[in-house]
Amino acid sequence: MAGILGAGMYIPLRRVALTEISKAWGNEDIPGEISVAGLDEDLFTMAVSAGRGALQYSNIEPDRIGIIYVCTGTASKSPIASRLAFALGANSETRVMDLGLSARSTTQAILCCSDVVRAGSAKYGIVVGVDNPLPEPGSVDEMSWGAAAAAVVIGSEGMAFSIAGAKSCSSAFTERWTVPGAQFQRQTAFPRFTRDLGYLHHSSSAGSSLMTSLKIKPEDLSVVILQNSVVADRAAKAMNIPQGKVLRSESGKAFGDTGCAAVLLDLVESSSRVKGGDKVLMVSYGIGGSDAICLVAEKPENLKDSAIRLAKFCNDKTLIDYATLLRLRRIIGPAH
């Protein structure tokens, strides 16, 4: 058996209100905020902070880590995992792996890491999800994407959550793509196509398949974590899960859609709402499909300090205007 021992995270203090962005484009006010990385907050530095926090809250020395996964959907000029291993103080023989292109890669890494631990190839592993995407100005993504990093330590002893089972749903469905030389990602112009054939189909298929295989009924679940989406309630309905069981993510409201970090932040948030023996269904979604993981709360109080730190990140912030946002993203002028 393998599971999650502890978690760490890092979220930039800079935030921009969605109303500020909406106003710049002459649209109506929209509630919420997104986190914005500064010039000294890149994928690597955020991953280091999150990884150190995960080790600290798990009481695991860095040289005991056997494998490290770094997951990001944000383009990086160089591999992160090997540099992260060095920065954390891991053994030079620690295996490292960079995964990307999809927010789903975080759950894929969790499943791979837990398999490695169960097989005895490593006693402990770290999974880091980090994103700082660059949305096109004026796009829907600009109103939703935020910057953040989150990390979990996976092992077989002293678990906050154990992994009871998992199922996946994959397909050739593609809603985003990158054109060589283009600054921004392209995406389909048909939101309903993305929503129905993408998010709803893959998420509900993976979740329903897992519940069937484990013989779990919707009422057996205490919390359901669904990757950030405005149609999460519809995915829950497709799985016959009561709306009251779906996590209403405070971190999502405070930071926006943080991509590969999102499900890990939500898991930390859910830890304060469960007790030993409770079941949590976590369903990811990204380009390529979904993974559904059933987690059983063993000692959820082990994530208490992490949950307190997450709440602090939600409350501590510095608001910026839209022009500053564009400068920090190097879209206009020099950033300061």
C-alpha atoms as a PDB file:
ATOM      1  CA  MET A   1       0.000   0.000   0.000  1.00  0.00           C
ATOM      2  CA  ALA A   2       1.141   3.527  -0.746  1.00  0.00           C
ATOM      3  CA  GLY A   3      -0.273   6.966  -0.169  1.00  0.00           C
ATOM      4  CA  ILE A   4       0.327  10.632   0.562  1.00  0.00           C
ATOM      5  CA  LEU A   5       2.322  11.524   3.671  1.00  0.00           C
ATOM      6  CA  GLY A   6       2.510  15.305   3.542  1.00  0.00           C
ATOM      7  CA  ALA A   7       2.136  18.288   1.258  1.00  0.00           C
ATOM      8  CA  GLY A   8       3.700  21.663   0.567  1.00  0.00           C
ATOM      9  CA  MET A   9       2.780  24.552  -1.682  1.00  0.00           C
ATOM     10  CA  TYR A  10       3.810  27.947  -2.954  1.00  0.00           C
ATOM     11  CA  ILE A  11       1.517  30.623  -4.375  1.00  0.00           C
ATOM     12  CA  PRO A  12       2.673  34.104  -5.436  1.00  0.00           C
ATOM     13  CA  LEU A  13       1.329  36.919  -3.284  1.00  0.00           C
ATOM     14  CA  ARG A  14       0.481  39.059  -6.310  1.00  0.00           C
ATOM     15  CA  ARG A  15      -3.158  38.784  -7.382  1.00  0.00           C
ATOM     16  CA  VAL A  16      -5.271  40.507  -9.974  1.00  0.00           C
ATOM     17  CA  ALA A  17      -9.037  40.763  -9.614  1.00  0.00           C
ATOM     18  CA  LEU A  18     -10.995  39.334 -12.522  1.00  0.00           C
ATOM     19  CA  THR A  19     -12.995  42.552 -12.531  1.00  0.00           C
ATOM     20  CA  GLU A  20      -9.762  44.418 -13.304  1.00  0.00           C
ATOM     21  CA  ILE A  21      -9.156  42.243 -16.369  1.00  0.00           C
ATOM     22  CA  SER A  22     -12.786  42.338 -17.451  1.00  0.00           C
ATOM     23  CA  LYS A  23     -12.884  46.136 -17.150  1.00  0.00           C
ATOM     24  CA  ALA A  24      -9.852  46.456 -19.418  1.00  0.00           C
ATOM     25  CA  TRP A  25     -11.783  44.706 -22.178  1.00  0.00           C
ATOM     26  CA  GLY A  26     -15.078  46.551 -21.577  1.00  0.00           C
ATOM     27  CA  ASN A  27     -16.889  43.577 -20.104  1.00  0.00           C
ATOM     28  CA  GLU A  28     -19.037  43.111 -16.993  1.00  0.00           C
ATOM     29  CA  ASP A  29     -17.671  42.616 -13.478  1.00  0.00           C
ATOM     30  CA  ILE A  30     -16.674  39.058 -12.566  1.00  0.00           C
ATOM     31  CA  PRO A  31     -15.928  37.866  -9.006  1.00  0.00           C
ATOM     32  CA  GLY A  32     -12.679  36.153  -8.097  1.00  0.00           C
ATOM     33  CA  GLU A  33      -8.932  36.618  -8.463  1.00  0.00           C
ATOM     34  CA  ILE A  34      -5.960  34.871 -10.041  1.00  0.00           C
ATOM     35  CA  SER A  35      -2.417  34.555  -8.718  1.00  0.00           C
ATOM     36  CA  VAL A  36       0.356  36.201 -10.735  1.00  0.00           C
ATOM     37  CA  ALA A  37       4.021  35.218 -10.629  1.00  0.00           C
ATOM     38  CA  GLY A  38       6.679  37.904 -10.356  1.00  0.00           C
ATOM     39  CA  LEU A  39       9.949  38.025 -12.256  1.00  0.00           C
ATOM     40  CA  ASP A  40      11.666  36.067  -9.461  1.00  0.00           C
ATOM     41  CA  GLU A  41       8.941  33.413  -9.315  1.00  0.00           C
ATOM     42  CA  ASP A  42       9.510  30.947 -12.127  1.00  0.00           C
ATOM     43  CA  LEU A  43       8.590  27.259 -12.361  1.00  0.00           C
ATOM     44  CA  PHE A  44      11.806  26.148 -10.685  1.00  0.00           C
ATOM     45  CA  THR A  45      11.742  28.491  -7.691  1.00  0.00           C
ATOM     46  CA  MET A  46       8.074  27.753  -6.999  1.00  0.00           C
ATOM     47  CA  ALA A  47       8.715  24.000  -7.276  1.00  0.00           C
ATOM     48  CA  VAL A  48      11.612  24.241  -4.811  1.00  0.00           C
ATOM     49  CA  SER A  49       9.467  26.049  -2.235  1.00  0.00           C
ATOM     50  CA  ALA A  50       6.645  23.524  -2.582  1.00  0.00           C
ATOM     51  CA  GLY A  51       9.021  20.545  -2.448  1.00  0.00           C
ATOM     52  CA  ARG A  52      10.757  21.816   0.683  1.00  0.00           C
ATOM     53  CA  GLY A  53       7.402  22.320   2.359  1.00  0.00           C
ATOM     54  CA  ALA A  54       6.289  18.784   1.492  1.00  0.00           C
ATOM     55  CA  LEU A  55       9.473  17.313   2.993  1.00  0.00           C
ATOM     56  CA  GLN A  56       9.151  19.449   6.114  1.00  0.00           C
ATOM     57  CA  TYR A  57       5.526  18.522   6.775  1.00  0.00           C
ATOM     58  CA  SER A  58       6.254  14.849   6.086  1.00  0.00           C
ATOM     59  CA  ASN A  59       9.310  14.773   8.403  1.00  0.00           C
ATOM     60  CA  ILE A  60      11.326  13.089   5.647  1.00  0.00           C
ATOM     61  CA  GLU A  61      14.992  13.854   5.032  1.00  0.00           C
ATOM     62  CA  PRO A  62      15.785  14.727   1.381  1.00  0.00           C
ATOM     63  CA  ASP A  63      18.367  11.949   0.984  1.00  0.00           C
ATOM     64  CA  ARG A  64      15.633   9.352   1.600  1.00  0.00           C
ATOM     65  CA  ILE A  65      13.744  10.364  -1.545  1.00  0.00           C
ATOM     66  CA  GLY A  66      14.166   7.776  -4.287  1.00  0.00           C
ATOM     67  CA  ILE A  67      12.272   9.379  -7.149  1.00  0.00           C
ATOM     68  CA  ILE A  68      11.057  12.870  -8.075  1.00  0.00           C
ATOM     69  CA  TYR A  69       8.385  13.812 -10.617  1.00  0.00           C
ATOM     70  CA  VAL A  70       7.805  17.384 -11.789  1.00  0.00           C
ATOM     71  CA  CYS A  71       4.580  18.016 -13.691  1.00  0.00           C
ATOM     72  CA  THR A  72       3.806  21.200 -15.631  1.00  0.00           C
ATOM     73  CA  GLY A  73       1.790  22.257 -18.624  1.00  0.00           C
ATOM     74  CA  THR A  74       3.861  25.430 -18.941  1.00  0.00           C
ATOM     75  CA  ALA A  75       6.689  25.485 -21.456  1.00  0.00           C
ATOM     76  CA  SER A  76      10.106  25.335 -19.784  1.00  0.00           C
ATOM     77  CA  LYS A  77      13.456  26.080 -21.418  1.00  0.00           C
ATOM     78  CA  SER A  78      15.226  23.336 -19.439  1.00  0.00           C
ATOM     79  CA  PRO A  79      14.326  20.260 -17.336  1.00  0.00           C
ATOM     80  CA  ILE A  80      13.242  21.059 -13.789  1.00  0.00           C
ATOM     81  CA  ALA A  81      13.343  17.710 -11.980  1.00  0.00           C
ATOM     82  CA  SER A  82      17.129  17.254 -11.952  1.00  0.00           C
ATOM     83  CA  ARG A  83      17.709  20.796 -10.691  1.00  0.00           C
ATOM     84  CA  LEU A  84      14.959  20.345  -8.122  1.00  0.00           C
ATOM     85  CA  ALA A  85      16.592  17.179  -6.780  1.00  0.00           C
ATOM     86  CA  PHE A  86      19.837  19.090  -6.276  1.00  0.00           C
ATOM     87  CA  ALA A  87      18.091  22.077  -4.656  1.00  0.00           C
ATOM     88  CA  LEU A  88      16.192  19.843  -2.228  1.00  0.00           C
ATOM     89  CA  GLY A  89      19.363  17.994  -1.213  1.00  0.00           C
ATOM     90  CA  ALA A  90      18.336  14.641  -2.646  1.00  0.00           C
ATOM     91  CA  ASN A  91      20.866  11.882  -3.296  1.00  0.00           C
ATOM     92  CA  SER A  92      22.610  12.122  -6.667  1.00  0.00           C
ATOM     93  CA  GLU A  93      21.259   8.649  -7.489  1.00  0.00           C
ATOM     94  CA  THR A  94      17.644   9.786  -7.086  1.00  0.00           C
ATOM     95  CA  ARG A  95      15.654   9.137 -10.231  1.00  0.00           C
ATOM     96  CA  VAL A  96      14.065  12.238 -11.751  1.00  0.00           C
ATOM     97  CA  MET A  97      11.357  12.683 -14.338  1.00  0.00           C
ATOM     98  CA  ASP A  98       9.724  15.685 -16.025  1.00  0.00           C
ATOM     99  CA  LEU A  99       6.118  15.253 -17.164  1.00  0.00           C
ATOM    100  CA  GLY A 100       4.025  17.826 -18.961  1.00  0.00           C
ATOM    101  CA  LEU A 101       1.672  19.014 -21.699  1.00  0.00           C
ATOM    102  CA  SER A 102      -1.410  18.331 -19.578  1.00  0.00           C
ATOM    103  CA  ALA A 103      -2.830  19.189 -16.148  1.00  0.00           C
ATOM    104  CA  ARG A 104      -3.608  15.493 -15.906  1.00  0.00           C
ATOM    105  CA  SER A 105       0.117  14.700 -15.599  1.00  0.00           C
ATOM    106  CA  THR A 106      -0.029  15.283 -11.818  1.00  0.00           C
ATOM    107  CA  THR A 107      -2.365  12.349 -11.202  1.00  0.00           C
ATOM    108  CA  GLN A 108      -0.391  10.246 -13.661  1.00  0.00           C
ATOM    109  CA  ALA A 109       2.737  10.979 -11.626  1.00  0.00           C
ATOM    110  CA  ILE A 110       0.974  10.115  -8.350  1.00  0.00           C
ATOM    111  CA  LEU A 111      -0.043   6.731  -9.747  1.00  0.00           C
ATOM    112  CA  CYS A 112       3.427   6.027 -11.162  1.00  0.00           C
ATOM    113  CA  CYS A 113       5.121   7.079  -7.929  1.00  0.00           C
ATOM    114  CA  SER A 114       2.820   4.947  -5.788  1.00  0.00           C
ATOM    115  CA  ASP A 115       3.576   1.944  -8.028  1.00  0.00           C
ATOM    116  CA  VAL A 116       7.302   2.548  -7.547  1.00  0.00           C
ATOM    117  CA  VAL A 117       6.879   2.706  -3.753  1.00  0.00           C
ATOM    118  CA  ARG A 118       4.700  -0.405  -3.629  1.00  0.00           C
ATOM    119  CA  ALA A 119       7.235  -2.281  -5.742  1.00  0.00           C
ATOM    120  CA  GLY A 120       9.980  -1.354  -3.295  1.00  0.00           C
ATOM    121  CA  SER A 121      12.098   0.461  -5.883  1.00  0.00           C
ATOM    122  CA  ALA A 122      11.961   3.598  -3.724  1.00  0.00           C
ATOM    123  CA  LYS A 123      10.892   4.120  -0.124  1.00  0.00           C
ATOM    124  CA  TYR A 124       9.685   7.672  -0.735  1.00  0.00           C
ATOM    125  CA  GLY A 125       8.932   9.803  -3.759  1.00  0.00           C
ATOM    126  CA  ILE A 126       7.900  13.392  -4.445  1.00  0.00           C
ATOM    127  CA  VAL A 127       5.340  14.622  -6.968  1.00  0.00           C
ATOM    128  CA  VAL A 128       5.363  18.332  -7.771  1.00  0.00           C
ATOM    129  CA  GLY A 129       2.703  20.080  -9.830  1.00  0.00           C
ATOM    130  CA  VAL A 130       3.658  23.592 -10.946  1.00  0.00           C
ATOM    131  CA  ASP A 131       2.246  25.958 -13.535  1.00  0.00           C
ATOM    132  CA  ASN A 132       2.610  29.551 -14.656  1.00  0.00           C
ATOM    133  CA  PRO A 133       0.821  29.580 -18.020  1.00  0.00           C
ATOM    134  CA  LEU A 134       0.836  32.495 -20.444  1.00  0.00           C
ATOM    135  CA  PRO A 135      -2.723  33.132 -21.649  1.00  0.00           C
ATOM    136  CA  GLU A 136      -3.497  35.310 -24.636  1.00  0.00           C
ATOM    137  CA  PRO A 137      -4.737  38.783 -23.610  1.00  0.00           C
ATOM    138  CA  GLY A 138      -8.486  39.074 -24.006  1.00  0.00           C
ATOM    139  CA  SER A 139      -9.024  35.306 -24.011  1.00  0.00           C
ATOM    140  CA  VAL A 140     -11.129  33.227 -21.631  1.00  0.00           C
ATOM    141  CA  ASP A 141      -7.916  31.691 -20.300  1.00  0.00           C
ATOM    142  CA  GLU A 142      -6.712  35.100 -19.128  1.00  0.00           C
ATOM    143  CA  MET A 143      -9.687  35.148 -16.758  1.00  0.00           C
ATOM    144  CA  SER A 144      -8.899  31.754 -15.262  1.00  0.00           C
ATOM    145  CA  TRP A 145      -5.225  30.718 -15.303  1.00  0.00           C
ATOM    146  CA  GLY A 146      -3.161  31.340 -12.166  1.00  0.00           C
ATOM    147  CA  ALA A 147       0.376  30.536 -11.002  1.00  0.00           C
ATOM    148  CA  ALA A 148       1.128  28.054  -8.199  1.00  0.00           C
ATOM    149  CA  ALA A 149       3.114  25.022  -7.134  1.00  0.00           C
ATOM    150  CA  ALA A 150       2.112  22.117  -4.900  1.00  0.00           C
ATOM    151  CA  ALA A 151       3.971  18.976  -3.875  1.00  0.00           C
ATOM    152  CA  VAL A 152       3.246  15.733  -2.040  1.00  0.00           C
ATOM    153  CA  VAL A 153       5.498  13.081  -0.556  1.00  0.00           C
ATOM    154  CA  ILE A 154       4.431   9.516  -1.294  1.00  0.00           C
ATOM    155  CA  GLY A 155       5.363   6.563   0.899  1.00  0.00           C
ATOM    156  CA  SER A 156       3.921   3.534   2.652  1.00  0.00           C
ATOM    157  CA  GLU A 157       4.082   4.532   6.338  1.00  0.00           C
ATOM    158  CA  GLY A 158       2.391   7.342   8.271  1.00  0.00           C
ATOM    159  CA  MET A 159       0.035   8.144   5.427  1.00  0.00           C
ATOM    160  CA  ALA A 160      -2.477  10.970   5.562  1.00  0.00           C
ATOM    161  CA  PHE A 161      -4.310   9.328   2.648  1.00  0.00           C
ATOM    162  CA  SER A 162      -3.835   5.868   1.199  1.00  0.00           C
ATOM    163  CA  ILE A 163      -4.585   5.065  -2.437  1.00  0.00           C
ATOM    164  CA  ALA A 164      -7.379   2.488  -2.671  1.00  0.00           C
ATOM    165  CA  GLY A 165      -7.616   2.309  -6.447  1.00  0.00           C
ATOM    166  CA  ALA A 166      -7.575   4.235  -9.716  1.00  0.00           C
ATOM    167  CA  LYS A 167      -9.068   4.215 -13.195  1.00  0.00           C
ATOM    168  CA  SER A 168      -8.296   6.263 -16.291  1.00  0.00           C
ATOM    169  CA  CYS A 169     -10.095   7.377 -19.426  1.00  0.00           C
ATOM    170  CA  SER A 170      -7.935   8.408 -22.371  1.00  0.00           C
ATOM    171  CA  SER A 171      -8.643   9.359 -25.958  1.00  0.00           C
ATOM    172  CA  ALA A 172      -7.218  11.207 -28.941  1.00  0.00           C
ATOM    173  CA  PHE A 173      -9.412  14.219 -28.129  1.00  0.00           C
ATOM    174  CA  THR A 174      -7.425  17.457 -28.382  1.00  0.00           C
ATOM    175  CA  GLU A 175      -8.743  20.897 -27.499  1.00  0.00           C
ATOM    176  CA  ARG A 176      -5.443  22.813 -27.346  1.00  0.00           C
ATOM    177  CA  TRP A 177      -2.324  22.786 -29.435  1.00  0.00           C
ATOM    178  CA  THR A 178       0.856  24.775 -29.931  1.00  0.00           C
ATOM    179  CA  VAL A 179       1.905  26.215 -33.267  1.00  0.00           C
ATOM    180  CA  PRO A 180       5.694  26.452 -33.758  1.00  0.00           C
ATOM    181  CA  GLY A 181       6.805  30.050 -33.284  1.00  0.00           C
ATOM    182  CA  ALA A 182       3.491  31.154 -31.753  1.00  0.00           C
ATOM    183  CA  GLN A 183       3.571  32.930 -28.389  1.00  0.00           C
ATOM    184  CA  PHE A 184       0.231  31.578 -27.164  1.00  0.00           C
ATOM    185  CA  GLN A 185      -1.546  28.229 -27.261  1.00  0.00           C
ATOM    186  CA  ARG A 186      -4.363  27.782 -29.751  1.00  0.00           C
ATOM    187  CA  GLN A 187      -7.667  26.235 -28.756  1.00  0.00           C
ATOM    188  CA  THR A 188     -10.888  25.147 -30.374  1.00  0.00           C
ATOM    189  CA  ALA A 189     -13.426  27.890 -31.024  1.00  0.00           C
ATOM    190  CA  PHE A 190     -16.285  25.647 -29.854  1.00  0.00           C
ATOM    191  CA  PRO A 191     -16.515  25.693 -26.002  1.00  0.00           C
ATOM    192  CA  ARG A 192     -19.395  23.228 -25.952  1.00  0.00           C
ATOM    193  CA  PHE A 193     -17.300  20.753 -27.941  1.00  0.00           C
ATOM    194  CA  THR A 194     -14.513  21.042 -25.354  1.00  0.00           C
ATOM    195  CA  ARG A 195     -16.905  20.810 -22.427  1.00  0.00           C
ATOM    196  CA  ASP A 196     -18.984  17.839 -23.564  1.00  0.00           C
ATOM    197  CA  LEU A 197     -16.516  15.654 -25.482  1.00  0.00           C
ATOM    198  CA  GLY A 198     -13.564  16.711 -23.346  1.00  0.00           C
ATOM    199  CA  TYR A 199     -14.134  17.455 -19.676  1.00  0.00           C
ATOM    200  CA  LEU A 200     -17.541  15.862 -19.077  1.00  0.00           C
ATOM    201  CA  HIS A 201     -16.914  12.658 -21.023  1.00  0.00           C
ATOM    202  CA  HIS A 202     -13.469  11.854 -19.654  1.00  0.00           C
ATOM    203  CA  SER A 203     -14.065  12.937 -16.046  1.00  0.00           C
ATOM    204  CA  SER A 204     -17.374  11.134 -15.604  1.00  0.00           C
ATOM    205  CA  SER A 205     -16.150   8.008 -17.432  1.00  0.00           C
ATOM    206  CA  ALA A 206     -13.045   7.658 -15.245  1.00  0.00           C
ATOM    207  CA  GLY A 207     -14.941   8.386 -12.033  1.00  0.00           C
ATOM    208  CA  SER A 208     -17.863   6.053 -12.786  1.00  0.00           C
ATOM    209  CA  SER A 209     -15.529   3.240 -13.842  1.00  0.00           C
ATOM    210  CA  LEU A 210     -13.568   3.536 -10.597  1.00  0.00           C
ATOM    211  CA  MET A 211     -16.669   3.521  -8.401  1.00  0.00           C
ATOM    212  CA  THR A 212     -17.947   0.442 -10.230  1.00  0.00           C
ATOM    213  CA  SER A 213     -14.659  -1.449  -9.911  1.00  0.00           C
ATOM    214  CA  LEU A 214     -14.341  -0.658  -6.181  1.00  0.00           C
ATOM    215  CA  LYS A 215     -18.073  -1.169  -5.607  1.00  0.00           C
ATOM    216  CA  ILE A 216     -18.363   2.310  -4.160  1.00  0.00           C
ATOM    217  CA  LYS A 217     -21.668   4.144  -4.123  1.00  0.00           C
ATOM    218  CA  PRO A 218     -21.879   7.948  -4.327  1.00  0.00           C
ATOM    219  CA  GLU A 219     -23.093   8.070  -0.735  1.00  0.00           C
ATOM    220  CA  ASP A 220     -19.916   6.267   0.365  1.00  0.00           C
ATOM    221  CA  LEU A 221     -17.829   9.287  -0.639  1.00  0.00           C
ATOM    222  CA  SER A 222     -17.145  12.146   1.772  1.00  0.00           C
ATOM    223  CA  VAL A 223     -15.543  14.597  -0.652  1.00  0.00           C
ATOM    224  CA  VAL A 224     -15.244  14.699  -4.441  1.00  0.00           C
ATOM    225  CA  ILE A 225     -12.411  16.719  -5.995  1.00  0.00           C
ATOM    226  CA  LEU A 226     -12.915  17.614  -9.647  1.00  0.00           C
ATOM    227  CA  GLN A 227     -10.238  19.414 -11.664  1.00  0.00           C
ATOM    228  CA  ASN A 228     -11.145  23.095 -11.963  1.00  0.00           C
ATOM    229  CA  SER A 229     -14.047  23.580 -14.340  1.00  0.00           C
ATOM    230  CA  VAL A 230     -17.167  25.697 -14.502  1.00  0.00           C
ATOM    231  CA  VAL A 231     -19.093  22.524 -15.321  1.00  0.00           C
ATOM    232  CA  ALA A 232     -17.823  20.384 -12.425  1.00  0.00           C
ATOM    233  CA  ASP A 233     -21.381  20.086 -11.120  1.00  0.00           C
ATOM    234  CA  ARG A 234     -22.469  18.522 -14.406  1.00  0.00           C
ATOM    235  CA  ALA A 235     -19.667  15.971 -14.182  1.00  0.00           C
ATOM    236  CA  ALA A 236     -20.799  15.086 -10.656  1.00  0.00           C
ATOM    237  CA  LYS A 237     -24.382  14.725 -11.857  1.00  0.00           C
ATOM    238  CA  ALA A 238     -23.248  12.371 -14.609  1.00  0.00           C
ATOM    239  CA  MET A 239     -21.725  10.166 -11.881  1.00  0.00           C
ATOM    240  CA  ASN A 240     -24.877  10.459  -9.714  1.00  0.00           C
ATOM    241  CA  ILE A 241     -22.859  12.239  -7.028  1.00  0.00           C
ATOM    242  CA  PRO A 242     -24.821  14.716  -4.846  1.00  0.00           C
ATOM    243  CA  GLN A 243     -23.686  18.322  -5.332  1.00  0.00           C
ATOM    244  CA  GLY A 244     -23.064  18.666  -1.592  1.00  0.00           C
ATOM    245  CA  LYS A 245     -20.135  16.254  -1.823  1.00  0.00           C
ATOM    246  CA  VAL A 246     -18.275  18.272  -4.487  1.00  0.00           C
ATOM    247  CA  LEU A 247     -15.459  20.393  -3.036  1.00  0.00           C
ATOM    248  CA  ARG A 248     -16.092  24.106  -3.574  1.00  0.00           C
ATOM    249  CA  SER A 249     -12.431  24.996  -3.790  1.00  0.00           C
ATOM    250  CA  GLU A 250     -11.433  28.132  -1.906  1.00  0.00           C
ATOM    251  CA  SER A 251      -8.003  27.960  -3.526  1.00  0.00           C
ATOM    252  CA  GLY A 252      -9.653  27.970  -6.946  1.00  0.00           C
ATOM    253  CA  LYS A 253     -11.491  31.178  -6.065  1.00  0.00           C
ATOM    254  CA  ALA A 254      -8.332  32.770  -4.668  1.00  0.00           C
ATOM    255  CA  PHE A 255      -5.762  31.680  -7.272  1.00  0.00           C
ATOM    256  CA  GLY A 256      -7.715  30.622 -10.364  1.00  0.00           C
ATOM    257  CA  ASP A 257      -7.069  27.438 -12.336  1.00  0.00           C
ATOM    258  CA  THR A 258      -3.535  26.498 -11.304  1.00  0.00           C
ATOM    259  CA  GLY A 259      -3.208  23.592 -13.743  1.00  0.00           C
ATOM    260  CA  CYS A 260      -0.945  20.824 -12.470  1.00  0.00           C
ATOM    261  CA  ALA A 261      -1.023  22.214  -8.919  1.00  0.00           C
ATOM    262  CA  ALA A 262      -4.830  22.375  -8.672  1.00  0.00           C
ATOM    263  CA  VAL A 263      -5.778  18.840  -7.558  1.00  0.00           C
ATOM    264  CA  LEU A 264      -3.003  18.803  -4.941  1.00  0.00           C
ATOM    265  CA  LEU A 265      -4.141  22.120  -3.461  1.00  0.00           C
ATOM    266  CA  ASP A 266      -7.713  20.833  -3.381  1.00  0.00           C
ATOM    267  CA  LEU A 267      -6.613  17.634  -1.647  1.00  0.00           C
ATOM    268  CA  VAL A 268      -4.911  19.656   1.087  1.00  0.00           C
ATOM    269  CA  GLU A 269      -8.073  21.741   1.456  1.00  0.00           C
ATOM    270  CA  SER A 270     -10.252  18.626   1.701  1.00  0.00           C
ATOM    271  CA  SER A 271      -8.145  17.154   4.525  1.00  0.00           C
ATOM    272  CA  SER A 272      -9.834  19.379   7.093  1.00  0.00           C
ATOM    273  CA  ARG A 273     -13.263  18.054   6.072  1.00  0.00           C
ATOM    274  CA  VAL A 274     -12.668  14.337   6.545  1.00  0.00           C
ATOM    275  CA  LYS A 275     -11.893  11.889   9.331  1.00  0.00           C
ATOM    276  CA  GLY A 276     -10.192   8.512   9.443  1.00  0.00           C
ATOM    277  CA  GLY A 277     -11.834   5.981   7.123  1.00  0.00           C
ATOM    278  CA  ASP A 278     -13.555   8.565   4.900  1.00  0.00           C
ATOM    279  CA  LYS A 279     -13.225   8.171   1.135  1.00  0.00           C
ATOM    280  CA  VAL A 280     -12.210  10.969  -1.223  1.00  0.00           C
ATOM    281  CA  LEU A 281     -12.648  10.762  -4.989  1.00  0.00           C
ATOM    282  CA  MET A 282     -10.126  12.860  -6.911  1.00  0.00           C
ATOM    283  CA  VAL A 283     -10.634  13.238 -10.665  1.00  0.00           C
ATOM    284  CA  SER A 284      -8.187  15.098 -12.889  1.00  0.00           C
ATOM    285  CA  TYR A 285      -8.665  16.380 -16.405  1.00  0.00           C
ATOM    286  CA  GLY A 286      -6.274  17.589 -19.060  1.00  0.00           C
ATOM    287  CA  ILE A 287      -5.355  17.092 -22.693  1.00  0.00           C
ATOM    288  CA  GLY A 288      -5.516  13.342 -23.269  1.00  0.00           C
ATOM    289  CA  GLY A 289      -8.109  12.401 -20.657  1.00  0.00           C
ATOM    290  CA  SER A 290      -8.746  11.915 -16.963  1.00  0.00           C
ATOM    291  CA  ASP A 291      -7.536   9.880 -13.994  1.00  0.00           C
ATOM    292  CA  ALA A 292      -9.818   9.018 -11.081  1.00  0.00           C
ATOM    293  CA  ILE A 293      -8.164   8.101  -7.776  1.00  0.00           C
ATOM    294  CA  CYS A 294      -9.926   6.858  -4.643  1.00  0.00           C
ATOM    295  CA  LEU A 295      -8.148   8.023  -1.496  1.00  0.00           C
ATOM    296  CA  VAL A 296      -8.924   6.738   1.992  1.00  0.00           C
ATOM    297  CA  ALA A 297      -8.259   9.092   4.900  1.00  0.00           C
ATOM    298  CA  GLU A 298      -5.831   7.391   7.295  1.00  0.00           C
ATOM    299  CA  LYS A 299      -4.421  10.287   9.330  1.00  0.00           C
ATOM    300  CA  PRO A 300      -5.767  13.390   7.575  1.00  0.00           C
ATOM    301  CA  GLU A 301      -4.612  15.477  10.536  1.00  0.00           C
ATOM    302  CA  ASN A 302      -1.088  15.029   9.158  1.00  0.00           C
ATOM    303  CA  LEU A 303      -2.036  17.651   6.568  1.00  0.00           C
ATOM    304  CA  LYS A 304      -3.328  20.111   9.163  1.00  0.00           C
ATOM    305  CA  ASP A 305      -0.265  22.383   9.023  1.00  0.00           C
ATOM    306  CA  SER A 306      -0.352  22.298   5.234  1.00  0.00           C
ATOM    307  CA  ALA A 307      -4.042  23.283   5.263  1.00  0.00           C
ATOM    308  CA  ILE A 308      -3.279  26.187   7.601  1.00  0.00           C
ATOM    309  CA  ARG A 309      -0.512  27.367   5.286  1.00  0.00           C
ATOM    310  CA  LEU A 310      -2.833  27.097   2.278  1.00  0.00           C
ATOM    311  CA  ALA A 311      -5.439  29.231   4.063  1.00  0.00           C
ATOM    312  CA  LYS A 312      -2.726  31.797   4.793  1.00  0.00           C
ATOM    313  CA  PHE A 313      -1.806  31.918   1.107  1.00  0.00           C
ATOM    314  CA  CYS A 314      -5.484  32.489   0.290  1.00  0.00           C
ATOM    315  CA  ASN A 315      -5.667  35.479   2.622  1.00  0.00           C
ATOM    316  CA  ASP A 316      -2.237  37.076   2.125  1.00  0.00           C
ATOM    317  CA  LYS A 317      -2.084  38.973  -1.139  1.00  0.00           C
ATOM    318  CA  THR A 318      -1.028  42.115  -2.961  1.00  0.00           C
ATOM    319  CA  LEU A 319      -3.458  43.327  -5.603  1.00  0.00           C
ATOM    320  CA  ILE A 320      -2.074  44.624  -8.899  1.00  0.00           C
ATOM    321  CA  ASP A 321      -3.660  46.352 -11.879  1.00  0.00           C
ATOM    322  CA  TYR A 322      -4.023  45.009 -15.408  1.00  0.00           C
ATOM    323  CA  ALA A 323      -1.081  46.938 -16.821  1.00  0.00           C
ATOM    324  CA  THR A 324       1.203  45.458 -14.167  1.00  0.00           C
ATOM    325  CA  LEU A 325      -0.110  41.992 -15.009  1.00  0.00           C
ATOM    326  CA  LEU A 326       0.848  42.457 -18.662  1.00  0.00           C
ATOM    327  CA  ARG A 327       4.302  43.751 -17.716  1.00  0.00           C
ATOM    328  CA  LEU A 328       4.969  40.832 -15.370  1.00  0.00           C
ATOM    329  CA  ARG A 329       4.022  38.458 -18.162  1.00  0.00           C
ATOM    330  CA  ARG A 330       6.406  40.346 -20.492  1.00  0.00           C
ATOM    331  CA  ILE A 331       3.584  41.111 -22.899  1.00  0.00           C
ATOM    332  CA  ILE A 332       4.164  44.870 -22.773  1.00  0.00           C
ATOM    333  CA  GLY A 333       7.129  47.027 -21.789  1.00  0.00           C
ATOM    334  CA  PRO A 334       9.757  46.276 -19.127  1.00  0.00           C
ATOM    335  CA  ALA A 335       8.495  44.722 -15.877  1.00  0.00           C
ATOM    336  CA  HIS A 336       9.470  46.174 -12.507  1.00  0.00           C
END
